[in-house]
C-alpha atoms as a PDB file:
ATOM      1  CA  MET A   1      43.629  38.207  22.291  1.00  0.00           C
ATOM      2  CA  LYS A   2      44.153  34.798  23.960  1.00  0.00           C
ATOM      3  CA  ILE A   3      46.875  36.321  26.279  1.00  0.00           C
ATOM      4  CA  GLN A   4      44.498  39.224  27.285  1.00  0.00           C
ATOM      5  CA  SER A   5      41.690  36.774  28.036  1.00  0.00           C
ATOM      6  CA  THR A   6      43.986  34.617  30.024  1.00  0.00           C
ATOM      7  CA  GLN A   7      45.087  37.734  32.073  1.00  0.00           C
ATOM      8  CA  ARG A   8      41.544  38.673  32.652  1.00  0.00           C
ATOM      9  CA  ASP A   9      40.743  35.113  33.696  1.00  0.00           C
ATOM     10  CA  SER A  10      43.487  35.070  36.172  1.00  0.00           C
ATOM     11  CA  ARG A  11      42.489  38.460  37.589  1.00  0.00           C
ATOM     12  CA  LEU A  12      39.024  37.419  38.086  1.00  0.00           C
ATOM     13  CA  GLY A  13      40.371  34.286  39.774  1.00  0.00           C
ATOM     14  CA  LEU A  14      42.241  36.451  42.308  1.00  0.00           C
ATOM     15  CA  VAL A  15      39.060  38.444  43.013  1.00  0.00           C
ATOM     16  CA  LEU A  16      37.078  35.171  43.757  1.00  0.00           C
ATOM     17  CA  LEU A  17      40.019  33.805  45.687  1.00  0.00           C
ATOM     18  CA  ALA A  18      39.841  37.029  47.931  1.00  0.00           C
ATOM     19  CA  ALA A  19      36.099  36.447  48.353  1.00  0.00           C
ATOM     20  CA  ILE A  20      36.747  32.844  49.412  1.00  0.00           C
ATOM     21  CA  LEU A  21      39.388  33.980  52.005  1.00  0.00           C
ATOM     22  CA  TRP A  22      36.937  36.779  53.388  1.00  0.00           C
ATOM     23  CA  GLY A  23      34.434  34.000  53.803  1.00  0.00           C
ATOM     24  CA  THR A  24      36.671  32.214  56.126  1.00  0.00           C
ATOM     25  CA  THR A  25      36.551  35.028  58.663  1.00  0.00           C
ATOM     26  CA  GLY A  26      33.380  34.099  60.427  1.00  0.00           C
ATOM     27  CA  VAL A  27      34.380  30.442  61.227  1.00  0.00           C
ATOM     28  CA  PHE A  28      37.693  31.516  62.754  1.00  0.00           C
ATOM     29  CA  VAL A  29      35.995  34.114  64.947  1.00  0.00           C
ATOM     30  CA  ARG A  30      33.444  31.498  65.939  1.00  0.00           C
ATOM     31  CA  ALA A  31      36.298  29.199  66.861  1.00  0.00           C
ATOM     32  CA  LEU A  32      37.966  31.856  68.964  1.00  0.00           C
ATOM     33  CA  TYR A  33      34.761  32.356  70.971  1.00  0.00           C
ATOM     34  CA  GLY A  34      34.733  28.552  71.584  1.00  0.00           C
ATOM     35  CA  MET A  35      38.395  28.552  72.826  1.00  0.00           C
ATOM     36  CA  THR A  36      38.647  31.654  74.988  1.00  0.00           C
ATOM     37  CA  PRO A  37      36.164  33.908  76.731  1.00  0.00           C
ATOM     38  CA  THR A  38      37.036  36.782  74.466  1.00  0.00           C
ATOM     39  CA  ASN A  39      35.111  39.597  72.982  1.00  0.00           C
ATOM     40  CA  ALA A  40      34.532  41.351  69.675  1.00  0.00           C
ATOM     41  CA  LEU A  41      36.694  44.456  70.527  1.00  0.00           C
ATOM     42  CA  SER A  42      39.651  42.346  71.288  1.00  0.00           C
ATOM     43  CA  ILE A  43      39.171  40.253  68.079  1.00  0.00           C
ATOM     44  CA  GLY A  44      38.621  43.256  66.006  1.00  0.00           C
ATOM     45  CA  PHE A  45      41.760  45.051  67.330  1.00  0.00           C
ATOM     46  CA  PHE A  46      44.202  42.130  66.897  1.00  0.00           C
ATOM     47  CA  ARG A  47      42.823  41.356  63.357  1.00  0.00           C
ATOM     48  CA  LEU A  48      43.535  44.903  62.291  1.00  0.00           C
ATOM     49  CA  ALA A  49      46.792  45.369  64.133  1.00  0.00           C
ATOM     50  CA  PHE A  50      48.146  42.150  62.565  1.00  0.00           C
ATOM     51  CA  SER A  51      47.121  43.247  59.060  1.00  0.00           C
ATOM     52  CA  VAL A  52      48.802  46.855  59.201  1.00  0.00           C
ATOM     53  CA  PRO A  53      52.427  45.687  59.099  1.00  0.00           C
ATOM     54  CA  ILE A  54      51.771  43.508  56.023  1.00  0.00           C
ATOM     55  CA  LEU A  55      49.624  46.282  54.321  1.00  0.00           C
ATOM     56  CA  LEU A  56      52.425  48.802  55.064  1.00  0.00           C
ATOM     57  CA  LEU A  57      54.955  46.529  53.288  1.00  0.00           C
ATOM     58  CA  ALA A  58      52.538  46.312  50.375  1.00  0.00           C
ATOM     59  CA  CYS A  59      52.488  49.985  50.086  1.00  0.00           C
ATOM     60  CA  TRP A  60      56.246  50.249  50.277  1.00  0.00           C
ATOM     61  CA  PHE A  61      56.887  47.662  47.407  1.00  0.00           C
ATOM     62  CA  SER A  62      54.064  49.315  45.371  1.00  0.00           C
ATOM     63  CA  GLY A  63      55.508  52.867  45.778  1.00  0.00           C
ATOM     64  CA  GLN A  64      52.334  54.079  47.455  1.00  0.00           C
ATOM     65  CA  TYR A  65      54.233  55.412  50.395  1.00  0.00           C
ATOM     66  CA  LYS A  66      55.567  58.231  48.110  1.00  0.00           C
ATOM     67  CA  VAL A  67      51.957  59.612  47.613  1.00  0.00           C
ATOM     68  CA  GLN A  68      50.955  62.845  49.290  1.00  0.00           C
ATOM     69  CA  VAL A  69      47.649  62.933  50.971  1.00  0.00           C
ATOM     70  CA  ASN A  70      46.073  66.287  51.660  1.00  0.00           C
ATOM     71  CA  ARG A  71      44.429  67.126  54.981  1.00  0.00           C
ATOM     72  CA  THR A  72      40.831  66.736  53.789  1.00  0.00           C
ATOM     73  CA  ASP A  73      41.337  63.335  52.243  1.00  0.00           C
ATOM     74  CA  LEU A  74      43.239  62.249  55.323  1.00  0.00           C
ATOM     75  CA  SER A  75      40.312  63.185  57.424  1.00  0.00           C
ATOM     76  CA  ILE A  76      38.141  61.052  55.077  1.00  0.00           C
ATOM     77  CA  MET A  77      40.515  58.059  55.433  1.00  0.00           C
ATOM     78  CA  LEU A  78      40.374  58.405  59.279  1.00  0.00           C
ATOM     79  CA  LEU A  79      36.565  58.454  59.089  1.00  0.00           C
ATOM     80  CA  LEU A  80      36.823  55.303  57.051  1.00  0.00           C
ATOM     81  CA  GLY A  81      39.028  53.855  59.819  1.00  0.00           C
ATOM     82  CA  ALA A  82      36.308  54.611  62.259  1.00  0.00           C
ATOM     83  CA  LEU A  83      33.644  52.918  60.166  1.00  0.00           C
ATOM     84  CA  THR A  84      35.777  49.965  59.581  1.00  0.00           C
ATOM     85  CA  ALA A  85      36.223  49.578  63.288  1.00  0.00           C
ATOM     86  CA  ALA A  86      32.441  49.836  63.911  1.00  0.00           C
ATOM     87  CA  TYR A  87      31.229  47.436  61.253  1.00  0.00           C
ATOM     88  CA  GLN A  88      33.793  44.928  62.113  1.00  0.00           C
ATOM     89  CA  VAL A  89      33.126  44.830  65.890  1.00  0.00           C
ATOM     90  CA  CYS A  90      29.250  44.637  65.196  1.00  0.00           C
ATOM     91  CA  TYR A  91      29.920  41.740  62.837  1.00  0.00           C
ATOM     92  CA  PHE A  92      31.950  39.834  65.263  1.00  0.00           C
ATOM     93  CA  GLY A  93      29.452  40.578  68.089  1.00  0.00           C
ATOM     94  CA  ALA A  94      26.573  39.147  65.864  1.00  0.00           C
ATOM     95  CA  ILE A  95      28.521  35.935  65.271  1.00  0.00           C
ATOM     96  CA  ALA A  96      28.506  35.322  68.963  1.00  0.00           C
ATOM     97  CA  ARG A  97      24.793  35.659  69.126  1.00  0.00           C
ATOM     98  CA  ILE A  98      23.243  34.219  65.975  1.00  0.00           C
ATOM     99  CA  GLY A  99      26.152  32.361  64.437  1.00  0.00           C
ATOM    100  CA  VAL A 100      28.303  32.614  61.347  1.00  0.00           C
ATOM    101  CA  ALA A 101      25.821  31.866  58.521  1.00  0.00           C
ATOM    102  CA  ALA A 102      23.060  34.263  59.605  1.00  0.00           C
ATOM    103  CA  SER A 103      25.493  36.977  60.615  1.00  0.00           C
ATOM    104  CA  THR A 104      27.272  36.773  57.321  1.00  0.00           C
ATOM    105  CA  LEU A 105      24.111  36.601  55.211  1.00  0.00           C
ATOM    106  CA  ILE A 106      22.508  39.499  56.864  1.00  0.00           C
ATOM    107  CA  THR A 107      25.456  41.592  56.915  1.00  0.00           C
ATOM    108  CA  LEU A 108      26.857  41.111  53.349  1.00  0.00           C
ATOM    109  CA  CYS A 109      23.383  40.769  51.667  1.00  0.00           C
ATOM    110  CA  THR A 110      21.814  43.908  53.222  1.00  0.00           C
ATOM    111  CA  ALA A 111      24.880  46.061  52.754  1.00  0.00           C
ATOM    112  CA  PRO A 112      24.069  46.770  48.973  1.00  0.00           C
ATOM    113  CA  VAL A 113      20.562  47.647  49.976  1.00  0.00           C
ATOM    114  CA  TRP A 114      21.864  50.153  52.670  1.00  0.00           C
ATOM    115  CA  VAL A 115      24.275  51.587  49.947  1.00  0.00           C
ATOM    116  CA  ALA A 116      21.140  52.140  47.691  1.00  0.00           C
ATOM    117  CA  LEU A 117      19.072  53.616  50.403  1.00  0.00           C
ATOM    118  CA  LEU A 118      21.774  55.908  51.790  1.00  0.00           C
ATOM    119  CA  ALA A 119      22.619  57.267  48.329  1.00  0.00           C
ATOM    120  CA  THR A 120      19.003  58.145  47.990  1.00  0.00           C
ATOM    121  CA  VAL A 121      19.037  59.987  51.288  1.00  0.00           C
ATOM    122  CA  LEU A 122      22.524  61.477  51.196  1.00  0.00           C
ATOM    123  CA  LEU A 123      23.178  61.839  47.421  1.00  0.00           C
ATOM    124  CA  ARG A 124      19.515  62.694  46.571  1.00  0.00           C
ATOM    125  CA  GLU A 125      19.295  59.785  44.079  1.00  0.00           C
ATOM    126  CA  ARG A 126      15.986  58.822  43.018  1.00  0.00           C
ATOM    127  CA  LEU A 127      14.451  55.996  44.955  1.00  0.00           C
ATOM    128  CA  THR A 128      13.392  53.485  42.112  1.00  0.00           C
ATOM    129  CA  ARG A 129      11.039  50.641  42.307  1.00  0.00           C
ATOM    130  CA  ARG A 130      13.987  48.242  41.970  1.00  0.00           C
ATOM    131  CA  VAL A 131      15.656  49.624  45.004  1.00  0.00           C
ATOM    132  CA  SER A 132      12.351  49.582  47.017  1.00  0.00           C
ATOM    133  CA  LEU A 133      11.599  46.047  46.001  1.00  0.00           C
ATOM    134  CA  ALA A 134      15.132  44.961  47.037  1.00  0.00           C
ATOM    135  CA  GLY A 135      14.637  46.768  50.374  1.00  0.00           C
ATOM    136  CA  ILE A 136      11.470  44.746  50.978  1.00  0.00           C
ATOM    137  CA  LEU A 137      13.125  41.436  50.001  1.00  0.00           C
ATOM    138  CA  ALA A 138      16.127  42.180  52.275  1.00  0.00           C
ATOM    139  CA  ILE A 139      13.859  42.991  55.214  1.00  0.00           C
ATOM    140  CA  ALA A 140      11.563  39.954  54.632  1.00  0.00           C
ATOM    141  CA  GLY A 141      14.630  37.738  54.094  1.00  0.00           C
ATOM    142  CA  THR A 142      16.324  39.000  57.405  1.00  0.00           C
ATOM    143  CA  LEU A 143      13.154  38.273  59.355  1.00  0.00           C
ATOM    144  CA  LEU A 144      12.865  34.697  57.898  1.00  0.00           C
ATOM    145  CA  LEU A 145      16.632  34.065  58.258  1.00  0.00           C
ATOM    146  CA  VAL A 146      16.363  34.409  62.066  1.00  0.00           C
ATOM    147  CA  GLY A 147      14.200  31.241  62.053  1.00  0.00           C
ATOM    148  CA  LEU A 148      17.221  28.989  62.651  1.00  0.00           C
ATOM    149  CA  GLU A 149      16.745  25.498  63.895  1.00  0.00           C
ATOM    150  CA  PRO A 150      16.973  25.158  67.784  1.00  0.00           C
ATOM    151  CA  GLY A 151      20.480  24.739  69.120  1.00  0.00           C
ATOM    152  CA  SER A 152      22.252  25.878  65.843  1.00  0.00           C
ATOM    153  CA  THR A 153      23.513  29.148  67.438  1.00  0.00           C
ATOM    154  CA  PRO A 154      26.152  29.847  70.088  1.00  0.00           C
ATOM    155  CA  ASN A 155      23.713  31.539  72.322  1.00  0.00           C
ATOM    156  CA  GLN A 156      20.095  32.605  72.145  1.00  0.00           C
ATOM    157  CA  GLN A 157      20.119  36.313  71.642  1.00  0.00           C
ATOM    158  CA  PRO A 158      18.624  36.664  68.176  1.00  0.00           C
ATOM    159  CA  ALA A 159      17.265  40.169  68.431  1.00  0.00           C
ATOM    160  CA  ILE A 160      20.562  41.606  69.545  1.00  0.00           C
ATOM    161  CA  GLY A 161      22.462  39.692  66.916  1.00  0.00           C
ATOM    162  CA  VAL A 162      20.307  40.824  64.117  1.00  0.00           C
ATOM    163  CA  LEU A 163      20.641  44.294  65.181  1.00  0.00           C
ATOM    164  CA  LEU A 164      24.318  44.134  65.287  1.00  0.00           C
ATOM    165  CA  ALA A 165      24.384  42.441  61.888  1.00  0.00           C
ATOM    166  CA  LEU A 166      22.239  45.148  60.439  1.00  0.00           C
ATOM    167  CA  LEU A 167      24.518  47.901  62.071  1.00  0.00           C
ATOM    168  CA  SER A 168      27.385  46.248  60.611  1.00  0.00           C
ATOM    169  CA  ALA A 169      25.858  46.227  57.193  1.00  0.00           C
ATOM    170  CA  MET A 170      24.946  50.042  57.490  1.00  0.00           C
ATOM    171  CA  GLY A 171      28.553  50.810  58.645  1.00  0.00           C
ATOM    172  CA  TYR A 172      30.027  48.951  55.665  1.00  0.00           C
ATOM    173  CA  ALA A 173      27.515  50.748  53.341  1.00  0.00           C
ATOM    174  CA  SER A 174      28.745  54.087  54.828  1.00  0.00           C
ATOM    175  CA  LEU A 175      32.283  53.019  54.257  1.00  0.00           C
ATOM    176  CA  VAL A 176      31.555  52.410  50.637  1.00  0.00           C
ATOM    177  CA  LEU A 177      29.960  55.813  50.028  1.00  0.00           C
ATOM    178  CA  CYS A 178      32.689  57.669  51.799  1.00  0.00           C
ATOM    179  CA  SER A 179      35.456  55.723  50.009  1.00  0.00           C
ATOM    180  CA  SER A 180      33.914  56.654  46.692  1.00  0.00           C
ATOM    181  CA  ARG A 181      35.288  60.133  47.097  1.00  0.00           C
ATOM    182  CA  LEU A 182      38.737  58.828  47.115  1.00  0.00           C
ATOM    183  CA  ALA A 183      38.564  56.227  44.504  1.00  0.00           C
ATOM    184  CA  ASN A 184      39.725  58.478  41.549  1.00  0.00           C
ATOM    185  CA  ARG A 185      42.644  60.269  43.651  1.00  0.00           C
ATOM    186  CA  TYR A 186      44.346  57.442  45.479  1.00  0.00           C
ATOM    187  CA  HIS A 187      45.155  53.714  44.992  1.00  0.00           C
ATOM    188  CA  PRO A 188      42.672  51.613  47.145  1.00  0.00           C
ATOM    189  CA  LEU A 189      45.740  50.045  48.847  1.00  0.00           C
ATOM    190  CA  LEU A 190      46.912  53.339  50.296  1.00  0.00           C
ATOM    191  CA  SER A 191      43.406  54.202  51.536  1.00  0.00           C
ATOM    192  CA  VAL A 192      42.869  50.841  53.174  1.00  0.00           C
ATOM    193  CA  THR A 193      46.338  50.855  54.815  1.00  0.00           C
ATOM    194  CA  ILE A 194      45.730  54.284  56.467  1.00  0.00           C
ATOM    195  CA  SER A 195      42.148  53.441  57.262  1.00  0.00           C
ATOM    196  CA  PHE A 196      43.039  50.147  58.982  1.00  0.00           C
ATOM    197  CA  SER A 197      45.832  51.685  60.824  1.00  0.00           C
ATOM    198  CA  ALA A 198      43.443  54.233  62.174  1.00  0.00           C
ATOM    199  CA  ALA A 199      40.795  51.501  62.996  1.00  0.00           C
ATOM    200  CA  ALA A 200      43.281  49.667  64.959  1.00  0.00           C
ATOM    201  CA  LEU A 201      44.311  52.672  67.050  1.00  0.00           C
ATOM    202  CA  ILE A 202      40.579  53.609  67.589  1.00  0.00           C
ATOM    203  CA  LEU A 203      39.756  50.139  68.874  1.00  0.00           C
ATOM    204  CA  LEU A 204      42.795  49.926  71.190  1.00  0.00           C
ATOM    205  CA  PRO A 205      41.339  52.223  74.068  1.00  0.00           C
ATOM    206  CA  PHE A 206      37.943  50.743  73.697  1.00  0.00           C
ATOM    207  CA  SER A 207      39.386  47.229  73.930  1.00  0.00           C
ATOM    208  CA  LEU A 208      41.430  48.305  77.061  1.00  0.00           C
ATOM    209  CA  VAL A 209      38.435  49.786  78.709  1.00  0.00           C
ATOM    210  CA  SER A 210      36.066  46.748  78.013  1.00  0.00           C
ATOM    211  CA  GLY A 211      38.438  44.152  79.239  1.00  0.00           C
ATOM    212  CA  TRP A 212      41.418  43.436  76.835  1.00  0.00           C
ATOM    213  CA  VAL A 213      41.700  39.652  76.317  1.00  0.00           C
ATOM    214  CA  VAL A 214      45.250  38.567  75.796  1.00  0.00           C
ATOM    215  CA  ASN A 215      45.268  35.036  77.329  1.00  0.00           C
ATOM    216  CA  TYR A 216      44.786  33.192  74.235  1.00  0.00           C
ATOM    217  CA  SER A 217      46.400  29.748  73.625  1.00  0.00           C
ATOM    218  CA  LEU A 218      49.089  29.425  71.007  1.00  0.00           C
ATOM    219  CA  LEU A 219      46.336  28.134  68.637  1.00  0.00           C
ATOM    220  CA  GLY A 220      44.220  31.228  69.394  1.00  0.00           C
ATOM    221  CA  TRP A 221      47.190  33.606  68.574  1.00  0.00           C
ATOM    222  CA  GLY A 222      47.577  31.557  65.441  1.00  0.00           C
ATOM    223  CA  PHE A 223      43.930  32.145  64.495  1.00  0.00           C
ATOM    224  CA  LEU A 224      44.221  35.850  65.203  1.00  0.00           C
ATOM    225  CA  LEU A 225      47.416  35.926  63.061  1.00  0.00           C
ATOM    226  CA  TYR A 226      45.585  34.342  60.322  1.00  0.00           C
ATOM    227  CA  LEU A 227      42.532  36.761  60.491  1.00  0.00           C
ATOM    228  CA  GLY A 228      45.032  39.796  60.190  1.00  0.00           C
ATOM    229  CA  ALA A 229      47.214  38.150  57.567  1.00  0.00           C
ATOM    230  CA  VAL A 230      45.100  36.095  55.184  1.00  0.00           C
ATOM    231  CA  PRO A 231      41.431  37.299  55.059  1.00  0.00           C
ATOM    232  CA  THR A 232      42.519  40.869  55.702  1.00  0.00           C
ATOM    233  CA  ALA A 233      45.791  41.908  54.112  1.00  0.00           C
ATOM    234  CA  LEU A 234      46.368  39.208  51.727  1.00  0.00           C
ATOM    235  CA  ALA A 235      42.649  39.122  50.510  1.00  0.00           C
ATOM    236  CA  TYR A 236      42.379  42.877  49.984  1.00  0.00           C
ATOM    237  CA  CYS A 237      45.684  42.908  48.064  1.00  0.00           C
ATOM    238  CA  LEU A 238      44.432  40.119  45.858  1.00  0.00           C
ATOM    239  CA  TYR A 239      41.162  41.968  45.508  1.00  0.00           C
ATOM    240  CA  PHE A 240      42.537  45.198  44.356  1.00  0.00           C
ATOM    241  CA  TYR A 241      45.203  43.620  42.026  1.00  0.00           C
ATOM    242  CA  GLY A 242      42.558  41.429  40.456  1.00  0.00           C
ATOM    243  CA  MET A 243      40.001  44.210  39.934  1.00  0.00           C
ATOM    244  CA  ARG A 244      42.391  46.069  37.546  1.00  0.00           C
ATOM    245  CA  GLN A 245      41.238  44.090  34.700  1.00  0.00           C
ATOM    246  CA  THR A 246      37.729  42.818  35.614  1.00  0.00           C
ATOM    247  CA  SER A 247      34.501  44.237  35.477  1.00  0.00           C
ATOM    248  CA  ALA A 248      31.755  45.026  38.085  1.00  0.00           C
ATOM    249  CA  ILE A 249      30.342  41.465  37.475  1.00  0.00           C
ATOM    250  CA  ALA A 250      33.332  40.155  39.404  1.00  0.00           C
ATOM    251  CA  ALA A 251      32.430  42.361  42.454  1.00  0.00           C
ATOM    252  CA  SER A 252      28.797  40.826  42.269  1.00  0.00           C
ATOM    253  CA  LEU A 253      30.381  37.280  42.165  1.00  0.00           C
ATOM    254  CA  ALA A 254      32.542  38.076  45.153  1.00  0.00           C
ATOM    255  CA  THR A 255      29.679  39.448  47.005  1.00  0.00           C
ATOM    256  CA  LEU A 256      27.737  36.118  46.630  1.00  0.00           C
ATOM    257  CA  LEU A 257      30.743  33.829  47.032  1.00  0.00           C
ATOM    258  CA  GLU A 258      31.787  35.246  50.318  1.00  0.00           C
ATOM    259  CA  PRO A 259      28.520  34.330  52.284  1.00  0.00           C
ATOM    260  CA  LEU A 260      28.281  31.133  50.517  1.00  0.00           C
ATOM    261  CA  THR A 261      31.795  30.221  51.758  1.00  0.00           C
ATOM    262  CA  SER A 262      30.993  31.303  55.251  1.00  0.00           C
ATOM    263  CA  SER A 263      27.741  29.359  55.402  1.00  0.00           C
ATOM    264  CA  LEU A 264      29.241  26.133  53.980  1.00  0.00           C
ATOM    265  CA  LEU A 265      31.988  26.290  56.540  1.00  0.00           C
ATOM    266  CA  ALA A 266      29.695  26.963  59.455  1.00  0.00           C
ATOM    267  CA  TRP A 267      27.493  23.995  58.344  1.00  0.00           C
ATOM    268  CA  SER A 268      30.550  21.687  57.900  1.00  0.00           C
ATOM    269  CA  LEU A 269      32.406  22.735  60.946  1.00  0.00           C
ATOM    270  CA  PHE A 270      29.895  23.836  63.614  1.00  0.00           C
ATOM    271  CA  GLY A 271      26.760  22.247  62.382  1.00  0.00           C
ATOM    272  CA  GLU A 272      24.955  25.470  61.905  1.00  0.00           C
ATOM    273  CA  ARG A 273      21.796  24.719  59.751  1.00  0.00           C
ATOM    274  CA  LEU A 274      19.262  26.895  58.270  1.00  0.00           C
ATOM    275  CA  GLY A 275      15.636  25.753  58.793  1.00  0.00           C
ATOM    276  CA  PRO A 276      13.061  25.941  55.962  1.00  0.00           C
ATOM    277  CA  PHE A 277      12.240  29.676  56.806  1.00  0.00           C
ATOM    278  CA  GLY A 278      15.955  30.425  56.949  1.00  0.00           C
ATOM    279  CA  LEU A 279      16.551  28.977  53.498  1.00  0.00           C
ATOM    280  CA  VAL A 280      13.778  31.147  52.148  1.00  0.00           C
ATOM    281  CA  GLY A 281      15.178  34.131  53.905  1.00  0.00           C
ATOM    282  CA  ALA A 282      18.697  33.428  52.478  1.00  0.00           C
ATOM    283  CA  MET A 283      17.198  33.255  48.850  1.00  0.00           C
ATOM    284  CA  LEU A 284      15.333  36.545  49.339  1.00  0.00           C
ATOM    285  CA  LEU A 285      18.725  38.251  50.405  1.00  0.00           C
ATOM    286  CA  VAL A 286      20.398  36.910  47.440  1.00  0.00           C
ATOM    287  CA  GLY A 287      17.521  38.069  45.316  1.00  0.00           C
ATOM    288  CA  ALA A 288      17.793  41.582  46.696  1.00  0.00           C
ATOM    289  CA  ILE A 289      21.437  41.662  45.694  1.00  0.00           C
ATOM    290  CA  GLY A 290      20.613  40.359  42.283  1.00  0.00           C
ATOM    291  CA  LEU A 291      18.017  43.048  41.775  1.00  0.00           C
ATOM    292  CA  LEU A 292      20.533  45.891  42.582  1.00  0.00           C
ATOM    293  CA  TYR A 293      23.303  44.532  40.414  1.00  0.00           C
ATOM    294  CA  ARG A 294      20.897  43.919  37.495  1.00  0.00           C
ATOM    295  CA  GLY A 295      19.719  47.590  37.871  1.00  0.00           C
ATOM    296  CA  SER A 296      23.261  48.825  37.894  1.00  0.00           C
END
């Protein structure tokens, strides 16, 4: 029994480590914006492109490359790639406008609310009082969170930044709903590898048309490589491996730990500070997540 408990604790630790690694994404993107006049499409493409070889190796060593995927499921994986590209670019665009802390909190804390609301519309699930209250808290929290202290964001475009963060959350929620159809038929690592490969290919022409940025410094290329290797490829591998023997509670902890990591790093490295209304808004967003997980 002690051995099994130790294994479960170690798997939970991997899930939480993955969440911490995801939480570092925003500050590295913010740093890239400060180093080079780049854009969200270029950063998104290189992040995915650098992650794909590592994920392919993981599929090879785990034997997932032998699995046959039918055409219908392959189409769903390609759709997941498009959603991945969309929510990632929107998230990076939001960081450039409202900062790391606000972008991460709005995106990650409203995503579960979007999942619940979209499930009500698309899957005809009943709209419960709990979901309705969570939606109200999320909206109120988002509005209050935009009340950042003057000078705490890279540039003053809060309305566009909030819209991009909400679109990112909606894209992520759609990805969650679509991927649920594949959950019982394929290992998540296989779905993620195919989806991320498709996302990189989708972003490539858009990056070229919008002004593909390649004039990064050596440190900038190092940041891009980090984004692809650590909070993308490595974090997803750790998460899927850790979730084999952990419960849904681990997922809820990871959901809260990621924005906490991003906010603390943004505060310590860039001086991003939430004002009184922003703190109340953050608590309302966390409360919305708590309601949803308590109900599930």
